[in-house]
Every structure is written in structure tokens, then in C-alpha cells.
Protein backbone atom coordinates (compact mmCIF):
# COMPACT_ATOMS: atom_id res chain seq x y z
CA MET A 1 -45.91 -54.63 -56.38
CA ARG A 2 -48.63 -56.08 -58.65
CA TYR A 3 -50.40 -53.70 -60.68
CA SER A 4 -53.82 -55.55 -60.06
CA GLN A 5 -53.38 -54.88 -56.47
CA LEU A 6 -52.56 -51.25 -56.87
CA PHE A 7 -55.83 -49.27 -55.55
CA THR A 8 -55.07 -46.38 -58.01
CA LYS A 9 -55.37 -46.79 -61.74
CA THR A 10 -54.38 -44.58 -64.86
CA LYS A 11 -56.91 -42.44 -66.23
CA PRO A 12 -57.60 -42.26 -69.94
CA ARG A 13 -58.15 -38.43 -70.15
CA GLU A 14 -56.62 -35.39 -68.80
CA PRO A 15 -58.33 -33.72 -66.05
CA LYS A 16 -60.14 -30.74 -67.53
CA ASP A 17 -59.46 -28.31 -64.77
CA GLU A 18 -55.56 -28.66 -64.97
CA LEU A 19 -53.56 -26.56 -67.03
CA THR A 20 -49.90 -27.42 -66.50
CA SER A 21 -48.42 -30.47 -67.71
CA ASN A 22 -47.02 -31.79 -64.22
CA ALA A 23 -50.66 -31.76 -62.89
CA LYS A 24 -51.95 -33.47 -65.95
CA LEU A 25 -49.42 -36.27 -66.17
CA LEU A 26 -49.22 -36.88 -62.43
CA THR A 27 -53.10 -37.09 -61.94
CA ARG A 28 -53.50 -39.43 -65.31
CA ALA A 29 -50.69 -41.53 -63.98
CA GLY A 30 -52.11 -42.05 -60.72
CA PHE A 31 -49.41 -40.24 -58.64
CA VAL A 32 -51.81 -37.71 -57.17
CA ASN A 33 -55.35 -36.55 -56.68
CA LYS A 34 -56.62 -33.14 -56.43
CA LEU A 35 -58.74 -32.37 -53.35
CA MET A 36 -59.07 -28.70 -54.00
CA ALA A 37 -57.08 -25.87 -55.87
CA GLY A 38 -53.52 -26.16 -54.41
CA VAL A 39 -54.22 -29.31 -52.28
CA TYR A 40 -53.35 -32.75 -53.40
CA SER A 41 -53.31 -36.32 -51.94
CA TYR A 42 -50.17 -38.36 -52.69
CA LEU A 43 -51.11 -41.74 -53.87
CA PRO A 44 -48.68 -44.93 -53.56
CA LEU A 45 -46.90 -44.04 -56.66
CA GLY A 46 -46.68 -40.36 -55.78
CA LEU A 47 -45.62 -41.01 -52.12
CA ARG A 48 -42.75 -43.46 -53.29
CA VAL A 49 -41.33 -40.66 -55.35
CA ILE A 50 -41.66 -38.11 -52.53
CA ASN A 51 -39.91 -40.59 -49.96
CA LYS A 52 -37.07 -40.98 -52.46
CA ILE A 53 -36.61 -37.18 -53.07
CA GLU A 54 -36.72 -36.75 -49.12
CA THR A 55 -34.03 -39.70 -48.75
CA ILE A 56 -31.69 -37.62 -51.27
CA VAL A 57 -32.34 -34.50 -49.21
CA ARG A 58 -31.70 -36.14 -45.77
CA GLU A 59 -28.32 -37.60 -46.84
CA GLU A 60 -27.15 -34.34 -48.29
CA MET A 61 -28.26 -32.25 -45.48
CA ASN A 62 -26.84 -34.76 -42.87
CA ALA A 63 -23.54 -34.60 -44.83
CA ILE A 64 -22.92 -31.13 -44.25
CA GLY A 65 -23.90 -31.25 -40.42
CA GLY A 66 -27.60 -30.74 -40.48
CA GLN A 67 -29.41 -31.99 -37.39
CA GLU A 68 -33.12 -33.22 -38.30
CA VAL A 69 -36.06 -32.18 -36.06
CA PHE A 70 -39.95 -32.13 -36.43
CA LEU A 71 -41.52 -28.81 -35.44
CA PRO A 72 -45.34 -28.12 -35.14
CA ALA A 73 -47.16 -26.87 -38.01
CA LEU A 74 -49.64 -25.02 -35.62
CA HIS A 75 -47.98 -21.84 -34.25
CA PRO A 76 -49.05 -19.34 -31.60
CA SER A 77 -49.92 -15.84 -32.97
CA GLU A 78 -47.75 -14.20 -30.66
CA ASN A 79 -44.65 -15.42 -32.32
CA TRP A 80 -45.52 -14.34 -35.58
CA LYS A 81 -46.54 -10.87 -33.98
CA GLN A 82 -43.13 -10.78 -32.44
CA THR A 83 -41.37 -10.48 -35.84
CA LYS A 84 -44.35 -8.22 -37.36
CA GLY A 85 -45.09 -11.41 -39.87
CA TRP A 86 -48.59 -11.51 -38.46
CA ASP A 87 -49.58 -8.30 -40.07
CA ASN A 88 -47.12 -8.06 -43.03
CA ILE A 89 -47.18 -11.53 -44.53
CA ASP A 90 -50.50 -11.78 -46.68
CA ILE A 91 -50.09 -15.63 -47.58
CA LEU A 92 -50.33 -16.62 -43.76
CA PHE A 93 -53.12 -18.85 -42.88
CA LYS A 94 -54.83 -17.70 -39.61
CA LEU A 95 -57.31 -19.29 -37.43
CA LYS A 96 -58.89 -19.03 -34.17
CA SER A 97 -59.77 -21.57 -31.49
CA ARG A 98 -63.16 -21.98 -29.84
CA THR A 99 -61.58 -19.81 -27.04
CA ASN A 100 -60.79 -16.97 -29.55
CA ARG A 101 -56.94 -17.78 -29.32
CA GLU A 102 -55.16 -16.95 -32.61
CA TYR A 103 -52.91 -19.32 -34.36
CA ALA A 104 -51.07 -19.39 -37.65
CA LEU A 105 -50.45 -22.40 -40.02
CA GLY A 106 -46.74 -22.34 -40.73
CA GLN A 107 -45.50 -21.04 -44.04
CA SER A 108 -42.07 -21.18 -42.66
CA HIS A 109 -40.61 -21.81 -39.34
CA GLU A 110 -38.26 -18.97 -38.27
CA GLU A 111 -40.84 -17.88 -35.64
CA VAL A 112 -40.65 -21.36 -34.14
CA ILE A 113 -36.99 -22.61 -34.50
CA THR A 114 -35.52 -19.24 -33.18
CA PRO A 115 -37.06 -19.26 -29.77
CA LEU A 116 -36.50 -23.12 -29.66
CA PHE A 117 -32.83 -22.60 -30.26
CA LYS A 118 -32.54 -19.90 -27.84
CA GLU A 119 -33.49 -22.19 -25.10
CA TYR A 120 -30.51 -24.45 -25.60
CA ALA A 121 -27.76 -22.27 -26.71
CA THR A 122 -25.65 -20.17 -24.43
CA SER A 123 -22.31 -19.20 -25.96
CA TYR A 124 -20.04 -19.34 -28.92
CA LYS A 125 -19.16 -22.97 -28.26
CA ASP A 126 -22.67 -23.90 -29.58
CA LEU A 127 -22.07 -22.46 -32.85
CA PRO A 128 -22.16 -23.05 -35.84
CA VAL A 129 -25.29 -25.12 -35.80
CA ALA A 130 -27.61 -26.24 -38.72
CA ILE A 131 -31.23 -27.65 -37.93
CA TYR A 132 -33.53 -28.90 -40.56
CA GLN A 133 -36.91 -30.42 -40.85
CA ILE A 134 -39.31 -31.97 -43.58
CA GLN A 135 -42.70 -30.76 -42.82
CA GLN A 136 -46.17 -29.84 -44.42
CA LYS A 137 -46.35 -26.03 -44.97
CA PHE A 138 -49.40 -23.94 -45.58
CA ARG A 139 -49.66 -20.74 -47.73
CA ASP A 140 -52.84 -18.86 -48.72
CA GLU A 141 -51.92 -18.37 -52.34
CA LEU A 142 -54.18 -16.32 -54.38
CA ARG A 143 -54.09 -18.36 -57.44
CA ALA A 144 -52.99 -21.81 -56.90
CA LYS A 145 -53.20 -23.13 -60.57
CA SER A 146 -49.84 -24.50 -61.52
CA GLY A 147 -50.18 -28.09 -60.07
CA LEU A 148 -47.67 -28.96 -57.60
CA LEU A 149 -45.57 -25.90 -58.44
CA ARG A 150 -47.68 -23.72 -56.49
CA GLY A 151 -49.70 -25.21 -53.52
CA ARG A 152 -51.79 -24.03 -50.58
CA GLU A 153 -50.24 -27.08 -48.69
CA PHE A 154 -47.17 -28.56 -49.66
CA ARG A 155 -44.08 -30.48 -48.48
CA MET A 156 -40.84 -28.76 -47.75
CA LYS A 157 -37.45 -28.95 -46.35
CA ASP A 158 -36.44 -25.99 -44.32
CA MET A 159 -32.97 -25.60 -42.60
CA TYR A 160 -31.95 -22.83 -40.28
CA SER A 161 -28.08 -22.16 -39.45
CA TRP A 162 -26.64 -19.77 -36.59
CA HIS A 163 -23.04 -18.26 -36.83
CA LEU A 164 -20.82 -16.38 -34.62
CA ASP A 165 -19.91 -13.90 -37.46
CA GLN A 166 -20.52 -13.19 -41.04
CA ALA A 167 -17.50 -15.03 -42.33
CA ASP A 168 -18.50 -18.15 -40.59
CA PHE A 169 -21.87 -17.83 -42.12
CA ASN A 170 -20.53 -17.07 -45.75
CA ARG A 171 -18.47 -20.23 -45.45
CA PHE A 172 -21.44 -22.57 -44.59
CA TYR A 173 -23.58 -20.67 -47.32
CA GLN A 174 -21.43 -21.74 -49.92
CA VAL A 175 -21.40 -25.21 -48.48
CA ALA A 176 -25.07 -25.23 -48.42
CA LYS A 177 -25.27 -24.09 -52.03
CA LEU A 178 -23.16 -26.73 -53.10
CA ALA A 179 -25.38 -29.44 -51.30
CA TYR A 180 -28.28 -28.06 -53.08
CA LEU A 181 -26.82 -28.38 -56.53
CA LYS A 182 -25.97 -32.03 -55.51
CA ILE A 183 -29.51 -32.68 -54.49
CA TYR A 184 -30.85 -31.60 -57.92
CA GLN A 185 -28.26 -33.31 -59.89
CA ARG A 186 -29.13 -36.68 -57.86
CA ALA A 187 -32.87 -36.06 -58.78
CA GLY A 188 -32.11 -35.74 -62.66
CA LEU A 189 -32.26 -31.83 -62.81
CA GLN A 190 -29.77 -29.17 -63.76
CA ALA A 191 -30.42 -26.15 -61.69
CA LYS A 192 -29.09 -22.63 -61.86
CA VAL A 193 -27.99 -20.65 -59.07
CA THR A 194 -29.99 -17.32 -59.44
CA GLU A 195 -29.54 -13.86 -57.69
CA ALA A 196 -33.08 -13.05 -56.50
CA SER A 197 -34.86 -10.64 -53.99
CA GLY A 198 -34.95 -11.51 -50.20
CA GLY A 199 -38.52 -10.87 -50.14
CA SER A 200 -40.31 -10.77 -46.89
CA PHE A 201 -37.18 -12.65 -45.13
CA SER A 202 -34.35 -10.43 -45.81
CA GLU A 203 -33.33 -7.13 -47.44
CA LYS A 204 -30.30 -8.76 -48.91
CA ILE A 205 -30.06 -10.59 -52.25
CA SER A 206 -30.98 -14.21 -51.81
CA TYR A 207 -30.17 -17.27 -54.07
CA GLU A 208 -32.86 -19.26 -55.88
CA PHE A 209 -32.29 -22.45 -57.66
CA MET A 210 -34.17 -22.50 -61.04
CA VAL A 211 -34.79 -25.36 -63.67
CA LEU A 212 -35.78 -24.01 -67.07
CA THR A 213 -39.32 -25.12 -68.03
CA PRO A 214 -41.92 -23.37 -69.94
CA ALA A 215 -44.42 -23.82 -67.14
CA GLY A 216 -42.09 -21.59 -64.86
CA GLU A 217 -43.56 -18.76 -63.04
CA ASP A 218 -40.33 -16.66 -63.29
CA ASP A 219 -38.28 -15.05 -65.90
CA ILE A 220 -34.52 -15.40 -65.43
CA LEU A 221 -31.51 -13.86 -67.41
CA TYR A 222 -28.42 -16.30 -67.63
CA CYS A 223 -25.22 -16.60 -69.37
CA ASP A 224 -24.32 -19.78 -71.13
CA GLN A 225 -20.39 -19.02 -70.95
CA CYS A 226 -20.49 -18.61 -67.07
CA ASP A 227 -22.91 -19.52 -64.25
CA TYR A 228 -24.30 -16.11 -63.89
CA CYS A 229 -28.09 -15.96 -63.50
CA ILE A 230 -30.45 -13.43 -62.33
CA ASN A 231 -34.20 -13.15 -61.69
CA THR A 232 -35.47 -10.52 -63.85
CA GLU A 233 -37.49 -9.05 -60.77
CA ILE A 234 -34.22 -7.46 -59.59
CA ALA A 235 -32.33 -7.17 -63.09
CA LYS A 236 -32.70 -3.43 -63.23
CA ASP A 237 -30.98 -2.20 -66.41
CA LEU A 238 -30.31 -5.83 -67.46
CA LYS A 239 -32.18 -7.32 -70.23
CA GLU A 240 -32.13 -10.04 -72.84
CA GLU A 241 -29.16 -9.47 -75.22
CA SER A 242 -27.23 -7.46 -72.34
CA GLU A 243 -23.59 -8.35 -72.11
CA CYS A 244 -23.04 -10.62 -69.14
CA PRO A 245 -22.05 -8.56 -66.21
CA ARG A 246 -19.75 -11.25 -64.92
CA CYS A 247 -17.55 -12.54 -67.81
CA GLN A 248 -18.30 -10.09 -70.52
CA LYS A 249 -17.97 -12.98 -72.97
CA ALA A 250 -21.45 -13.42 -73.99
CA LYS A 251 -25.10 -11.99 -74.45
CA LEU A 252 -27.68 -12.74 -71.60
CA GLN A 253 -30.35 -15.07 -72.62
CA LYS A 254 -33.95 -14.94 -71.16
CA ALA A 255 -36.04 -17.94 -70.11
CA ARG A 256 -38.98 -19.04 -68.05
CA ALA A 257 -37.93 -21.10 -65.13
CA SER A 258 -39.39 -22.66 -61.87
CA GLU A 259 -37.89 -22.42 -58.57
CA VAL A 260 -36.95 -25.53 -56.77
CA GLY A 261 -35.18 -24.05 -53.68
CA ASN A 262 -33.65 -20.94 -52.16
CA VAL A 263 -31.22 -19.69 -49.58
CA PHE A 264 -31.33 -16.49 -47.55
CA ASP A 265 -28.90 -14.51 -45.39
CA LEU A 266 -31.26 -13.58 -42.54
CA GLY A 267 -28.61 -11.41 -40.95
CA GLN A 268 -29.54 -10.62 -37.33
CA LYS A 269 -33.26 -9.92 -37.89
CA TYR A 270 -34.45 -12.90 -36.33
CA THR A 271 -32.05 -13.22 -33.35
CA HIS A 272 -32.97 -9.56 -32.41
CA ASP A 273 -36.75 -10.20 -32.53
CA PHE A 274 -36.49 -12.86 -30.09
CA ASP A 275 -33.30 -11.33 -28.36
CA LEU A 276 -31.38 -14.39 -29.02
CA LYS A 277 -27.87 -13.22 -27.55
CA LEU A 278 -24.84 -15.55 -27.00
CA ALA A 279 -21.48 -14.85 -25.40
CA ASP A 280 -18.62 -14.57 -27.74
CA LYS A 281 -15.01 -15.56 -26.81
CA ASN A 282 -14.48 -12.43 -25.03
CA GLY A 283 -17.68 -13.00 -22.87
CA LEU A 284 -19.59 -10.23 -24.72
CA LEU A 285 -23.21 -10.87 -25.80
CA VAL A 286 -23.71 -10.92 -29.51
CA TYR A 287 -26.60 -11.47 -31.65
CA PRO A 288 -25.62 -14.52 -34.22
CA ILE A 289 -26.17 -14.38 -37.91
CA MET A 290 -28.81 -16.57 -39.27
CA GLY A 291 -29.47 -18.40 -42.51
CA CYS A 292 -32.44 -20.29 -43.90
CA TYR A 293 -32.42 -22.80 -46.66
CA GLY A 294 -35.75 -24.22 -48.32
CA ILE A 295 -36.37 -27.05 -50.75
CA GLY A 296 -40.09 -27.50 -51.65
CA ILE A 297 -40.17 -31.45 -51.98
CA SER A 298 -43.45 -31.71 -53.47
CA ARG A 299 -42.86 -28.68 -55.93
CA LEU A 300 -39.59 -30.51 -56.90
CA MET A 301 -41.43 -33.68 -57.82
CA GLY A 302 -43.75 -31.47 -59.87
CA VAL A 303 -40.83 -29.65 -61.55
CA ILE A 304 -39.27 -33.10 -62.56
CA ALA A 305 -42.66 -34.22 -64.02
CA GLU A 306 -42.72 -30.82 -65.81
CA ALA A 307 -39.16 -30.98 -67.17
CA LEU A 308 -38.87 -34.73 -67.81
CA HIS A 309 -41.67 -36.11 -69.80
CA ASP A 310 -42.50 -36.64 -73.56
CA ASP A 311 -45.87 -37.09 -75.54
CA LYS A 312 -46.48 -40.56 -73.98
CA GLY A 313 -46.03 -39.70 -70.43
CA LEU A 314 -43.54 -39.36 -67.43
CA VAL A 315 -39.70 -40.13 -67.71
CA TRP A 316 -38.43 -40.62 -64.21
CA PRO A 317 -34.75 -40.65 -63.49
CA GLU A 318 -33.76 -43.95 -61.87
CA THR A 319 -33.02 -42.26 -58.52
CA ILE A 320 -36.42 -41.14 -57.68
CA ALA A 321 -38.59 -43.50 -59.82
CA PRO A 322 -41.16 -45.08 -57.75
CA PHE A 323 -40.19 -48.54 -59.23
CA GLN A 324 -37.07 -49.42 -61.32
CA VAL A 325 -38.80 -52.06 -63.49
CA HIS A 326 -42.28 -52.20 -65.20
CA LEU A 327 -42.68 -55.78 -65.85
CA VAL A 328 -45.49 -56.34 -68.43
CA GLY A 329 -46.77 -59.68 -68.78
CA LEU A 330 -48.72 -60.62 -71.92
CA ASN A 331 -50.81 -63.82 -72.74
CA LEU A 332 -51.08 -64.62 -69.04
CA ASP A 333 -53.81 -66.86 -69.68
CA ASN A 334 -51.09 -69.29 -70.97
CA SER A 335 -49.98 -71.11 -68.05
CA ASP A 336 -46.21 -71.48 -69.18
CA VAL A 337 -46.16 -67.62 -69.74
CA LYS A 338 -47.69 -66.97 -66.35
CA LYS A 339 -45.28 -69.24 -64.69
CA GLN A 340 -42.38 -67.49 -66.21
CA ALA A 341 -43.71 -64.05 -65.53
CA GLU A 342 -44.16 -65.03 -61.94
CA ALA A 343 -40.66 -66.56 -61.81
CA ILE A 344 -39.05 -63.34 -63.25
CA TYR A 345 -41.08 -61.18 -60.73
CA GLN A 346 -39.88 -63.24 -57.90
CA LYS A 347 -36.26 -63.03 -59.12
CA LEU A 348 -36.20 -59.25 -59.41
CA THR A 349 -37.74 -58.85 -55.79
CA GLN A 350 -35.20 -61.28 -54.61
CA GLU A 351 -32.47 -58.94 -56.10
CA HIS A 352 -33.89 -56.19 -54.31
CA ILE A 353 -35.18 -54.73 -57.56
CA GLU A 354 -38.21 -52.47 -57.35
CA VAL A 355 -40.52 -53.81 -59.71
CA LEU A 356 -44.28 -53.05 -60.88
CA PHE A 357 -45.74 -56.24 -62.35
CA ASP A 358 -48.64 -55.50 -64.71
CA ASP A 359 -50.34 -58.75 -64.05
CA ARG A 360 -53.91 -57.83 -65.36
CA LEU A 361 -55.62 -60.48 -67.34
CA GLU A 362 -58.18 -58.15 -68.92
CA ALA A 363 -55.97 -55.45 -70.04
CA THR A 364 -54.94 -55.37 -73.81
CA PRO A 365 -51.32 -55.16 -74.76
CA GLY A 366 -51.89 -51.63 -76.16
CA ALA A 367 -53.25 -50.56 -73.02
CA LYS A 368 -50.54 -52.26 -70.75
CA PHE A 369 -47.86 -50.43 -73.08
CA ALA A 370 -49.68 -46.99 -72.74
CA ASP A 371 -49.70 -47.38 -69.02
CA ALA A 372 -46.03 -48.21 -68.86
CA ASP A 373 -45.07 -45.23 -70.92
CA LEU A 374 -47.51 -42.89 -68.90
CA ILE A 375 -46.18 -44.04 -65.54
CA GLY A 376 -42.50 -43.58 -66.94
CA LEU A 377 -40.57 -46.02 -65.04
CA PRO A 378 -36.79 -46.35 -66.09
CA TYR A 379 -37.19 -49.96 -67.64
CA ARG A 380 -40.11 -51.94 -69.32
CA LEU A 381 -39.60 -55.63 -69.40
CA LEU A 382 -41.86 -57.76 -71.40
CA VAL A 383 -42.83 -61.24 -71.07
CA SER A 384 -45.08 -62.91 -73.56
CA ALA A 385 -45.73 -66.17 -75.71
CA LYS A 386 -43.38 -64.62 -78.35
CA THR A 387 -40.31 -64.09 -76.02
CA GLY A 388 -39.87 -67.55 -75.03
CA ASP A 389 -37.31 -68.06 -72.46
CA LYS A 390 -35.93 -64.60 -73.13
CA VAL A 391 -37.22 -61.13 -72.15
CA GLU A 392 -37.85 -58.02 -74.30
CA TYR A 393 -36.73 -54.74 -72.58
CA LYS A 394 -36.43 -51.01 -73.45
CA LYS A 395 -35.27 -47.96 -71.68
CA ARG A 396 -38.35 -45.38 -71.10
CA GLN A 397 -36.38 -42.61 -72.85
CA LEU A 398 -35.40 -44.75 -76.04
CA LYS A 399 -37.03 -46.46 -78.71
CA ASP A 400 -34.68 -49.28 -79.19
CA VAL A 401 -36.10 -52.73 -77.90
CA LYS A 402 -33.88 -55.61 -76.97
CA ILE A 403 -34.42 -59.36 -76.49
CA THR A 404 -31.85 -60.74 -74.02
CA SER A 405 -31.92 -63.30 -70.94
CA LEU A 406 -32.85 -62.12 -67.55
CA GLU A 407 -29.46 -62.57 -66.38
CA ASN A 408 -27.91 -60.21 -69.07
CA PHE A 409 -30.70 -57.61 -68.37
CA LEU A 410 -29.71 -57.53 -64.84
CA LYS A 411 -26.06 -57.20 -65.38
CA GLU A 412 -26.38 -54.41 -67.97
CA CYS A 413 -29.21 -52.39 -66.33
CA CYS A 414 -29.60 -53.22 -62.74
CA GLN A 415 -25.97 -53.08 -61.43
């Protein structure tokens, strides 16, 4: 991609109406554009990040047996009334058609996926099964002021599973939690599995996946000697400096954190609500155990921006960066330099390396370097009258600059 052809450009100043680093940086760098509070357009750079996150999520969900579907975002009110969600969930967007038919915009999809599964499942032989989708979600948030961390419209992966008994559910529950941790690790984050409330979904304890960040909307208590972590909302008698109830070897620490996913044991609530019964091995009709598993895709992008940046801009992990290399061309009015820069751009492209080529003639060197830091690609590659037949490169998170041949750069950084 040539920077001169990219219809979005970086902005010199932070947006005045944004409070969080993720919103300020992603807007300035040209990844997103706010339409209204809690609703963002994803621009070419931002959409490339979203697509890469979704690829990781799909790979890990497929690896544990998930089957992908795509469900409607517009739901009939009858489904939500059947679960009592219509009257009890205050963040549900409700609307009426011209014929006064009531609908909801999906904030979750239990009310749609459960009756759908009921149409196809007949016995225990159809279990266990896990179905997931990546879909736009809508929530009537009272205060949508944290950039991508809390939106009124957002991108989400939600998966649902059904099991004949609690033991089989517990087995898959652990498999799903491990898959989630792998997703976050591949995306460049370390997440903590955190005990939390089941909220409107379940009376049982749920598990949230939390990333430490000052912009987080939750407080957690965690132990640095074991993996114990709990949301302060359900901590009861526990507080900062309390002895860890799991290992009894350290004091609990308190920190702000942002949720990047959650898993719920829904029990038989939704299978009861929709009278979903299957024949067990003895021919008896039973209500399957159900679980749900969510990852906010756009929220995850926001948390990564929040957690991985410095005073110059974003610092994307290689796995989800919109491009791998930011090729900066200086002195492009010099025909020899321009020829070399074009040759390097073509070589990188032929090697299937994703490259953003800053080929602008009017931009100053300082402006090009500042934009490269702000956008935050893993590698900056410089070609100028001073580099001759070499290239200058640096990793985004490091200060060191190296002069080398293009071949050595490819061997060292892009294998």
C-alpha cells in the first residue's frame, strides 16, 4: 500500500472529545473515526487489524471444534420475552416497525441460537456441539466514553455450546478457557482469568479475561505467586493485602483492568426457556447444559492500543499489525533514490511482506518519521540519498538503528 493512495491520513492533534489513549491514538493515526459516542467507523488500517484479530480467533475456535455461523442482528421481541430479557435487560436496543412489530438489536444471541439449535438437535448423539459467529452487537450503554473499550455498536465473537451433562460441560469449559488465553497471547497480550459475577446471564460465577491497564473499568485483586484473580465486585471480604486464598503464599494486589472476554456456565436456563430437550442414552428427555463464550473483537483492538503504546504512538504486535514494514522514502526527488525505493517496495511485496510505503514527495523527513511512530508498525525501513545501496531499519519498540542490506534485513526480521 502506498501512503499517497491511502485515503485516510494522520491527524496533527488529539481529538478533544476523547478521554482514553486508545481512542486518541487510533483516531490520530487514522485507524478509526467516531461517528457518535460509542460508534466508530473502521478505516483501512483499522480494518486490517480487526481482520487479523478475527483470523486468530477463527483459528483457535476451529481448533477446539467450533462451527461458524452468521446470525441476524435484528431479533423478534418474542424471543427476548420468552427469556424475560425484554423487560429485564436495560441495555437492550428496542425498536418498532411501521406495522408496530417490536424488535431488538442483538446485544447477545442466546435468544436466537437456542431455538435454532432446537430445530436440528434430536438426541445425545448431537452433543457436544459448539457454534460461534463474529457479528456486530448493539448495547444501549448509558455512558460510552472509553473509546473502543465500551461501545454502543461493536464487533464480537460469541460462541455457544451444549452438553449432555455437567461433567462434559466442565471439560469443554476448560478447553475454551485455554483457547482464549492462546488468542490473547497470539495478539500480544497477557490476560488474567478472573472470577466474576454471572450478571444477567447466569447465577453462577463466570470468568472474565482481564488485561491490566489504567484505563480499565474494573478493579481486580490478583496474586503474583499463583494464577488467582477475582473481580472486586464479588470479592466480599477480600481486599488489597489480603492473603491469597488459593496459595496462601502472597498478598493480593489491586489493579485496574479491562475485560477482553468472558465465559459463562448458563446451566439449563435457556434450554428450559425454549423447551430444548434431547433424548439421553436411555431414551429419557433431558435439558442440555449450555455455555457461552464471548470476545469483543473491536474492544480487544482498543485494549491492545491502550496497553501497547508509548509517548510517540502505537506499538503493534507483529501478529496483528496492519502492515509489517513501514518503508520511508526520503529524497524521492532524486531519481536514483526513487528507483531504489520502488525496487525495495516491489521486492517486499513479492516476498509477501505487507508494507506501507510512504512515497509522499511533499512531507518532511520529520513528518514521515513521526507518522511512522504514530502508526506503530513493527519495522521502519528507510531509503534515502545517505543510505546508498543499503537500508536503515529499526524495530518500533527499540531505539537502535541499523544499516544493512535488504537481504540481511529480510533474513533477520521477516523469516
